[in-house]
């Protein structure tokens, strides 16, 4: 089976070299014989573009947005380019560890799941202590999403989402920013596919270290939960 790793990038020059190295050097999960890394730059302005243009590796495909559109738009572009059997989303900021791919992919490779979410709040893995209100907001959005979708996720907003490509191809992504998370969750719930969660570690960043999501994104997420569960 082939794994496609989709990485949206926006002003991540400080961590990009390292995350690419970790992704490529991470041990392939059992059952994975090939992998590709698809990077979509969302009009970065900090030197990220120059770094990406210097890459020469046949396992990496790089695409560029000429205008900043948001994480959802970058993922939409990346999903259109995948050629693998399984797709995983990877942020470029070192908050999530690619060495955990084997546990994330295992339920799909064993044919028990069609979609897997990596939960930062499930199990006993390392979890950096950062912001109370972010944790509170995440819990509220996950609860509200669960109420609308009738799922019982613990971490709807997680970056680590893994899909069979056949499932992903049935979904049209409409949100261009952080509304992607509740949108994709609502849409997979309506497909009645097999969804699993796996506990993961999390090395969260502060705003000084480059964290981008804010309260306005939370407000948009509330609307997206309502919109995609009730009106789509």
C-alpha atoms as a PDB file:
ATOM      1  CA  UNK A   1       0.000   0.000   0.000  1.00  0.00           C
ATOM      2  CA  UNK A   2       1.112   3.565  -0.665  1.00  0.00           C
ATOM      3  CA  UNK A   3       0.884   6.369   1.914  1.00  0.00           C
ATOM      4  CA  UNK A   4       0.340   9.987   0.880  1.00  0.00           C
ATOM      5  CA  UNK A   5       1.333  12.596   3.484  1.00  0.00           C
ATOM      6  CA  UNK A   6      -0.241  16.003   2.856  1.00  0.00           C
ATOM      7  CA  UNK A   7       1.497  18.936   4.549  1.00  0.00           C
ATOM      8  CA  UNK A   8      -0.004  22.453   4.388  1.00  0.00           C
ATOM      9  CA  UNK A   9       2.672  25.101   4.959  1.00  0.00           C
ATOM     10  CA  UNK A  10       2.502  28.800   5.807  1.00  0.00           C
ATOM     11  CA  UNK A  11       5.548  30.680   7.139  1.00  0.00           C
ATOM     12  CA  UNK A  12       7.216  27.609   8.657  1.00  0.00           C
ATOM     13  CA  UNK A  13      10.826  28.211   7.585  1.00  0.00           C
ATOM     14  CA  UNK A  14      12.054  27.679  11.171  1.00  0.00           C
ATOM     15  CA  UNK A  15      10.762  24.088  11.381  1.00  0.00           C
ATOM     16  CA  UNK A  16      10.323  22.963   7.783  1.00  0.00           C
ATOM     17  CA  UNK A  17      13.713  21.320   7.243  1.00  0.00           C
ATOM     18  CA  UNK A  18      13.381  19.305  10.424  1.00  0.00           C
ATOM     19  CA  UNK A  19       9.808  18.132   9.887  1.00  0.00           C
ATOM     20  CA  UNK A  20      10.566  17.031   6.319  1.00  0.00           C
ATOM     21  CA  UNK A  21      13.568  15.060   7.588  1.00  0.00           C
ATOM     22  CA  UNK A  22      11.523  13.387  10.332  1.00  0.00           C
ATOM     23  CA  UNK A  23       8.697  12.505   7.927  1.00  0.00           C
ATOM     24  CA  UNK A  24      11.046  10.927   5.396  1.00  0.00           C
ATOM     25  CA  UNK A  25      13.125   9.074   7.994  1.00  0.00           C
ATOM     26  CA  UNK A  26      10.188   7.774  10.046  1.00  0.00           C
ATOM     27  CA  UNK A  27       9.841   4.000   9.837  1.00  0.00           C
ATOM     28  CA  UNK A  28       7.175   2.906   7.390  1.00  0.00           C
ATOM     29  CA  UNK A  29       4.232   1.182   9.090  1.00  0.00           C
ATOM     30  CA  UNK A  30       3.748  -2.525   8.378  1.00  0.00           C
ATOM     31  CA  UNK A  31       1.845  -2.845   5.124  1.00  0.00           C
ATOM     32  CA  UNK A  32       3.164   0.411   3.646  1.00  0.00           C
ATOM     33  CA  UNK A  33       5.595  -0.196   0.788  1.00  0.00           C
ATOM     34  CA  UNK A  34       5.789   3.343  -0.616  1.00  0.00           C
ATOM     35  CA  UNK A  35       5.142   6.893   0.536  1.00  0.00           C
ATOM     36  CA  UNK A  36       4.994  10.379  -0.933  1.00  0.00           C
ATOM     37  CA  UNK A  37       5.095  13.776   0.772  1.00  0.00           C
ATOM     38  CA  UNK A  38       2.900  16.435  -0.803  1.00  0.00           C
ATOM     39  CA  UNK A  39       3.665  19.957   0.437  1.00  0.00           C
ATOM     40  CA  UNK A  40       1.373  22.883  -0.355  1.00  0.00           C
ATOM     41  CA  UNK A  41       2.747  26.342   0.423  1.00  0.00           C
ATOM     42  CA  UNK A  42      -0.016  28.871   1.084  1.00  0.00           C
ATOM     43  CA  UNK A  43       1.852  31.990  -0.115  1.00  0.00           C
ATOM     44  CA  UNK A  44       4.491  32.137   2.624  1.00  0.00           C
ATOM     45  CA  UNK A  45       6.550  35.301   3.029  1.00  0.00           C
ATOM     46  CA  UNK A  46       9.321  34.242   5.436  1.00  0.00           C
ATOM     47  CA  UNK A  47      11.716  32.318   3.218  1.00  0.00           C
ATOM     48  CA  UNK A  48       9.678  29.107   3.133  1.00  0.00           C
ATOM     49  CA  UNK A  49       9.150  29.390  -0.629  1.00  0.00           C
ATOM     50  CA  UNK A  50      12.870  29.588  -1.375  1.00  0.00           C
ATOM     51  CA  UNK A  51      13.534  26.599   0.859  1.00  0.00           C
ATOM     52  CA  UNK A  52      10.840  24.545  -0.881  1.00  0.00           C
ATOM     53  CA  UNK A  53      12.110  25.471  -4.339  1.00  0.00           C
ATOM     54  CA  UNK A  54      15.519  24.085  -3.396  1.00  0.00           C
ATOM     55  CA  UNK A  55      14.152  20.598  -2.638  1.00  0.00           C
ATOM     56  CA  UNK A  56      15.285  17.845  -4.986  1.00  0.00           C
ATOM     57  CA  UNK A  57      13.720  14.576  -3.863  1.00  0.00           C
ATOM     58  CA  UNK A  58      11.513  12.299  -5.931  1.00  0.00           C
ATOM     59  CA  UNK A  59       9.449  11.410  -2.852  1.00  0.00           C
ATOM     60  CA  UNK A  60       8.402  15.050  -2.388  1.00  0.00           C
ATOM     61  CA  UNK A  61       5.943  17.018  -4.520  1.00  0.00           C
ATOM     62  CA  UNK A  62       5.634  20.754  -3.868  1.00  0.00           C
ATOM     63  CA  UNK A  63       2.793  23.066  -4.925  1.00  0.00           C
ATOM     64  CA  UNK A  64       2.437  26.806  -4.388  1.00  0.00           C
ATOM     65  CA  UNK A  65      -0.533  29.124  -3.855  1.00  0.00           C
ATOM     66  CA  UNK A  66      -0.002  32.602  -5.310  1.00  0.00           C
ATOM     67  CA  UNK A  67      -2.455  34.065  -2.758  1.00  0.00           C
ATOM     68  CA  UNK A  68      -2.861  33.126   0.907  1.00  0.00           C
ATOM     69  CA  UNK A  69      -6.098  31.158   1.233  1.00  0.00           C
ATOM     70  CA  UNK A  70      -5.861  29.171   4.464  1.00  0.00           C
ATOM     71  CA  UNK A  71      -5.184  25.652   5.740  1.00  0.00           C
ATOM     72  CA  UNK A  72      -8.345  24.160   4.275  1.00  0.00           C
ATOM     73  CA  UNK A  73      -7.490  25.488   0.818  1.00  0.00           C
ATOM     74  CA  UNK A  74      -3.963  24.068   1.050  1.00  0.00           C
ATOM     75  CA  UNK A  75      -5.358  20.677   2.052  1.00  0.00           C
ATOM     76  CA  UNK A  76      -7.868  20.814  -0.791  1.00  0.00           C
ATOM     77  CA  UNK A  77      -4.997  21.333  -3.245  1.00  0.00           C
ATOM     78  CA  UNK A  78      -2.982  18.545  -1.632  1.00  0.00           C
ATOM     79  CA  UNK A  79      -5.845  16.047  -1.653  1.00  0.00           C
ATOM     80  CA  UNK A  80      -6.258  16.573  -5.392  1.00  0.00           C
ATOM     81  CA  UNK A  81      -2.630  15.508  -5.929  1.00  0.00           C
ATOM     82  CA  UNK A  82      -2.452  12.319  -3.829  1.00  0.00           C
ATOM     83  CA  UNK A  83      -1.729   8.991  -5.480  1.00  0.00           C
ATOM     84  CA  UNK A  84      -1.634   6.783  -2.379  1.00  0.00           C
ATOM     85  CA  UNK A  85      -4.136   4.328  -0.908  1.00  0.00           C
ATOM     86  CA  UNK A  86      -4.087   6.095   2.474  1.00  0.00           C
ATOM     87  CA  UNK A  87      -3.815   9.830   3.207  1.00  0.00           C
ATOM     88  CA  UNK A  88      -2.585  11.434   6.436  1.00  0.00           C
ATOM     89  CA  UNK A  89      -2.445  15.144   7.270  1.00  0.00           C
ATOM     90  CA  UNK A  90       0.828  16.430   8.745  1.00  0.00           C
ATOM     91  CA  UNK A  91       1.363  19.962  10.071  1.00  0.00           C
ATOM     92  CA  UNK A  92       4.786  21.533   9.505  1.00  0.00           C
ATOM     93  CA  UNK A  93       5.271  23.005  12.976  1.00  0.00           C
ATOM     94  CA  UNK A  94       6.639  19.994  14.950  1.00  0.00           C
ATOM     95  CA  UNK A  95       3.571  19.780  17.206  1.00  0.00           C
ATOM     96  CA  UNK A  96       2.832  16.259  15.930  1.00  0.00           C
ATOM     97  CA  UNK A  97       5.337  13.391  15.682  1.00  0.00           C
ATOM     98  CA  UNK A  98       5.531  11.414  12.388  1.00  0.00           C
ATOM     99  CA  UNK A  99       7.061   8.497  14.282  1.00  0.00           C
ATOM    100  CA  UNK A 100       3.515   7.757  15.442  1.00  0.00           C
ATOM    101  CA  UNK A 101       2.289   6.922  11.918  1.00  0.00           C
ATOM    102  CA  UNK A 102       2.362   3.137  12.596  1.00  0.00           C
ATOM    103  CA  UNK A 103      -0.206   3.358  15.394  1.00  0.00           C
ATOM    104  CA  UNK A 104      -2.356   5.792  13.386  1.00  0.00           C
ATOM    105  CA  UNK A 105      -2.403   3.631  10.270  1.00  0.00           C
ATOM    106  CA  UNK A 106      -2.771   0.259  11.995  1.00  0.00           C
ATOM    107  CA  UNK A 107      -6.606   0.237  12.242  1.00  0.00           C
ATOM    108  CA  UNK A 108      -6.866   0.971   8.490  1.00  0.00           C
ATOM    109  CA  UNK A 109      -4.175  -1.508   7.443  1.00  0.00           C
ATOM    110  CA  UNK A 110      -5.874  -4.186   9.574  1.00  0.00           C
ATOM    111  CA  UNK A 111      -9.140  -3.344   7.771  1.00  0.00           C
ATOM    112  CA  UNK A 112     -10.903  -2.258  10.943  1.00  0.00           C
ATOM    113  CA  UNK A 113     -11.246   1.429  10.073  1.00  0.00           C
ATOM    114  CA  UNK A 114     -11.770   3.759   7.137  1.00  0.00           C
ATOM    115  CA  UNK A 115     -10.840   6.939   9.035  1.00  0.00           C
ATOM    116  CA  UNK A 116      -8.571   7.405  12.074  1.00  0.00           C
ATOM    117  CA  UNK A 117      -8.242  10.500  14.277  1.00  0.00           C
ATOM    118  CA  UNK A 118      -5.159  10.941  16.435  1.00  0.00           C
ATOM    119  CA  UNK A 119      -6.435  12.172  19.792  1.00  0.00           C
ATOM    120  CA  UNK A 120      -4.259  14.384  21.981  1.00  0.00           C
ATOM    121  CA  UNK A 121      -6.536  13.638  24.939  1.00  0.00           C
ATOM    122  CA  UNK A 122      -6.848   9.853  24.725  1.00  0.00           C
ATOM    123  CA  UNK A 123      -4.338   7.638  26.474  1.00  0.00           C
ATOM    124  CA  UNK A 124      -1.129   8.404  28.334  1.00  0.00           C
ATOM    125  CA  UNK A 125       1.156   9.964  25.735  1.00  0.00           C
ATOM    126  CA  UNK A 126       3.229  13.116  26.374  1.00  0.00           C
ATOM    127  CA  UNK A 127       1.225  16.326  26.062  1.00  0.00           C
ATOM    128  CA  UNK A 128       2.736  19.769  26.503  1.00  0.00           C
ATOM    129  CA  UNK A 129       0.852  22.009  28.943  1.00  0.00           C
ATOM    130  CA  UNK A 130       0.129  25.359  27.289  1.00  0.00           C
ATOM    131  CA  UNK A 131      -3.210  27.241  27.189  1.00  0.00           C
ATOM    132  CA  UNK A 132      -6.270  26.594  29.358  1.00  0.00           C
ATOM    133  CA  UNK A 133      -8.674  28.419  27.037  1.00  0.00           C
ATOM    134  CA  UNK A 134      -7.460  26.534  23.985  1.00  0.00           C
ATOM    135  CA  UNK A 135      -8.136  23.246  25.794  1.00  0.00           C
ATOM    136  CA  UNK A 136     -11.533  24.490  26.943  1.00  0.00           C
ATOM    137  CA  UNK A 137     -12.418  25.668  23.454  1.00  0.00           C
ATOM    138  CA  UNK A 138     -11.295  22.396  21.920  1.00  0.00           C
ATOM    139  CA  UNK A 139     -13.418  20.446  24.380  1.00  0.00           C
ATOM    140  CA  UNK A 140     -16.456  22.600  23.668  1.00  0.00           C
ATOM    141  CA  UNK A 141     -16.091  22.334  19.888  1.00  0.00           C
ATOM    142  CA  UNK A 142     -15.590  18.562  20.078  1.00  0.00           C
ATOM    143  CA  UNK A 143     -18.648  18.190  22.325  1.00  0.00           C
ATOM    144  CA  UNK A 144     -20.794  20.372  20.078  1.00  0.00           C
ATOM    145  CA  UNK A 145     -19.591  18.504  16.985  1.00  0.00           C
ATOM    146  CA  UNK A 146     -20.396  15.183  18.644  1.00  0.00           C
ATOM    147  CA  UNK A 147     -23.889  16.375  19.523  1.00  0.00           C
ATOM    148  CA  UNK A 148     -24.543  17.348  15.902  1.00  0.00           C
ATOM    149  CA  UNK A 149     -22.879  14.316  14.271  1.00  0.00           C
ATOM    150  CA  UNK A 150     -23.715  11.629  16.868  1.00  0.00           C
ATOM    151  CA  UNK A 151     -20.056  10.626  17.111  1.00  0.00           C
ATOM    152  CA  UNK A 152     -18.092  10.242  20.358  1.00  0.00           C
ATOM    153  CA  UNK A 153     -14.720  11.731  19.416  1.00  0.00           C
ATOM    154  CA  UNK A 154     -12.418  13.160  22.073  1.00  0.00           C
ATOM    155  CA  UNK A 155     -10.442  15.489  19.744  1.00  0.00           C
ATOM    156  CA  UNK A 156     -12.271  16.743  16.660  1.00  0.00           C
ATOM    157  CA  UNK A 157      -9.721  19.537  16.071  1.00  0.00           C
ATOM    158  CA  UNK A 158      -6.666  17.277  15.865  1.00  0.00           C
ATOM    159  CA  UNK A 159      -4.297  17.660  12.916  1.00  0.00           C
ATOM    160  CA  UNK A 160      -3.707  13.914  12.641  1.00  0.00           C
ATOM    161  CA  UNK A 161      -6.548  12.637  10.501  1.00  0.00           C
ATOM    162  CA  UNK A 162      -6.019   9.547   8.355  1.00  0.00           C
ATOM    163  CA  UNK A 163      -8.294   8.468   5.510  1.00  0.00           C
ATOM    164  CA  UNK A 164      -8.628   5.724   3.000  1.00  0.00           C
ATOM    165  CA  UNK A 165      -8.254   7.649  -0.246  1.00  0.00           C
ATOM    166  CA  UNK A 166     -11.501   6.098  -1.489  1.00  0.00           C
ATOM    167  CA  UNK A 167     -13.335   7.822   1.404  1.00  0.00           C
ATOM    168  CA  UNK A 168     -11.597  11.160   0.897  1.00  0.00           C
ATOM    169  CA  UNK A 169     -12.468  11.211  -2.804  1.00  0.00           C
ATOM    170  CA  UNK A 170     -16.174  11.157  -1.889  1.00  0.00           C
ATOM    171  CA  UNK A 171     -15.881  14.483  -0.030  1.00  0.00           C
ATOM    172  CA  UNK A 172     -15.738  17.970  -1.502  1.00  0.00           C
ATOM    173  CA  UNK A 173     -13.887  20.342   0.832  1.00  0.00           C
ATOM    174  CA  UNK A 174     -15.532  23.778   0.924  1.00  0.00           C
ATOM    175  CA  UNK A 175     -13.828  25.500   3.871  1.00  0.00           C
ATOM    176  CA  UNK A 176     -10.571  27.329   3.127  1.00  0.00           C
ATOM    177  CA  UNK A 177      -9.384  28.035   6.660  1.00  0.00           C
ATOM    178  CA  UNK A 178      -9.602  26.198  10.004  1.00  0.00           C
ATOM    179  CA  UNK A 179     -13.271  25.402   9.385  1.00  0.00           C
ATOM    180  CA  UNK A 180     -11.917  22.345   7.578  1.00  0.00           C
ATOM    181  CA  UNK A 181     -11.839  20.321  10.821  1.00  0.00           C
ATOM    182  CA  UNK A 182     -15.568  20.443  11.686  1.00  0.00           C
ATOM    183  CA  UNK A 183     -16.494  20.252   7.999  1.00  0.00           C
ATOM    184  CA  UNK A 184     -14.589  17.028   7.313  1.00  0.00           C
ATOM    185  CA  UNK A 185     -15.845  15.517  10.571  1.00  0.00           C
ATOM    186  CA  UNK A 186     -19.477  16.247   9.679  1.00  0.00           C
ATOM    187  CA  UNK A 187     -19.047  14.856   6.179  1.00  0.00           C
ATOM    188  CA  UNK A 188     -17.378  11.588   7.189  1.00  0.00           C
ATOM    189  CA  UNK A 189     -20.077  11.049   9.820  1.00  0.00           C
ATOM    190  CA  UNK A 190     -22.685  11.147   7.054  1.00  0.00           C
ATOM    191  CA  UNK A 191     -20.793   8.529   5.037  1.00  0.00           C
ATOM    192  CA  UNK A 192     -21.350   6.029   7.882  1.00  0.00           C
ATOM    193  CA  UNK A 193     -17.766   4.813   7.559  1.00  0.00           C
ATOM    194  CA  UNK A 194     -15.740   3.143  10.299  1.00  0.00           C
ATOM    195  CA  UNK A 195     -14.032   5.799  12.443  1.00  0.00           C
ATOM    196  CA  UNK A 196     -11.378   5.072  15.076  1.00  0.00           C
ATOM    197  CA  UNK A 197      -9.364   7.215  17.488  1.00  0.00           C
ATOM    198  CA  UNK A 198      -5.780   6.556  18.578  1.00  0.00           C
ATOM    199  CA  UNK A 199      -3.952   8.325  21.413  1.00  0.00           C
ATOM    200  CA  UNK A 200      -1.005  10.470  20.305  1.00  0.00           C
ATOM    201  CA  UNK A 201       1.562  12.769  21.888  1.00  0.00           C
ATOM    202  CA  UNK A 202       1.380  16.541  21.375  1.00  0.00           C
ATOM    203  CA  UNK A 203       4.070  19.215  21.572  1.00  0.00           C
ATOM    204  CA  UNK A 204       1.977  22.376  21.356  1.00  0.00           C
ATOM    205  CA  UNK A 205       3.430  25.756  20.435  1.00  0.00           C
ATOM    206  CA  UNK A 206       2.868  29.139  22.035  1.00  0.00           C
ATOM    207  CA  UNK A 207       1.899  32.188  19.978  1.00  0.00           C
ATOM    208  CA  UNK A 208       5.486  33.405  20.332  1.00  0.00           C
ATOM    209  CA  UNK A 209       6.615  30.138  18.740  1.00  0.00           C
ATOM    210  CA  UNK A 210       4.264  30.576  15.794  1.00  0.00           C
ATOM    211  CA  UNK A 211       0.834  29.255  16.790  1.00  0.00           C
ATOM    212  CA  UNK A 212      -1.758  30.729  14.407  1.00  0.00           C
ATOM    213  CA  UNK A 213      -5.271  29.642  15.421  1.00  0.00           C
ATOM    214  CA  UNK A 214      -7.315  32.145  17.445  1.00  0.00           C
ATOM    215  CA  UNK A 215     -10.783  32.838  18.864  1.00  0.00           C
ATOM    216  CA  UNK A 216     -12.187  33.950  15.501  1.00  0.00           C
ATOM    217  CA  UNK A 217     -11.375  30.515  14.130  1.00  0.00           C
ATOM    218  CA  UNK A 218     -13.314  29.035  17.047  1.00  0.00           C
ATOM    219  CA  UNK A 219     -16.364  31.117  16.188  1.00  0.00           C
ATOM    220  CA  UNK A 220     -16.141  29.985  12.565  1.00  0.00           C
ATOM    221  CA  UNK A 221     -15.876  26.375  13.744  1.00  0.00           C
ATOM    222  CA  UNK A 222     -19.179  26.707  15.638  1.00  0.00           C
ATOM    223  CA  UNK A 223     -20.899  27.905  12.467  1.00  0.00           C
ATOM    224  CA  UNK A 224     -19.304  25.132  10.426  1.00  0.00           C
ATOM    225  CA  UNK A 225     -20.529  22.480  12.868  1.00  0.00           C
ATOM    226  CA  UNK A 226     -24.071  23.740  12.405  1.00  0.00           C
ATOM    227  CA  UNK A 227     -23.765  24.287   8.669  1.00  0.00           C
ATOM    228  CA  UNK A 228     -22.264  20.962   7.631  1.00  0.00           C
ATOM    229  CA  UNK A 229     -24.248  18.799  10.021  1.00  0.00           C
ATOM    230  CA  UNK A 230     -27.662  20.361   9.431  1.00  0.00           C
ATOM    231  CA  UNK A 231     -27.603  22.038   6.023  1.00  0.00           C
ATOM    232  CA  UNK A 232     -25.317  19.891   3.843  1.00  0.00           C
END
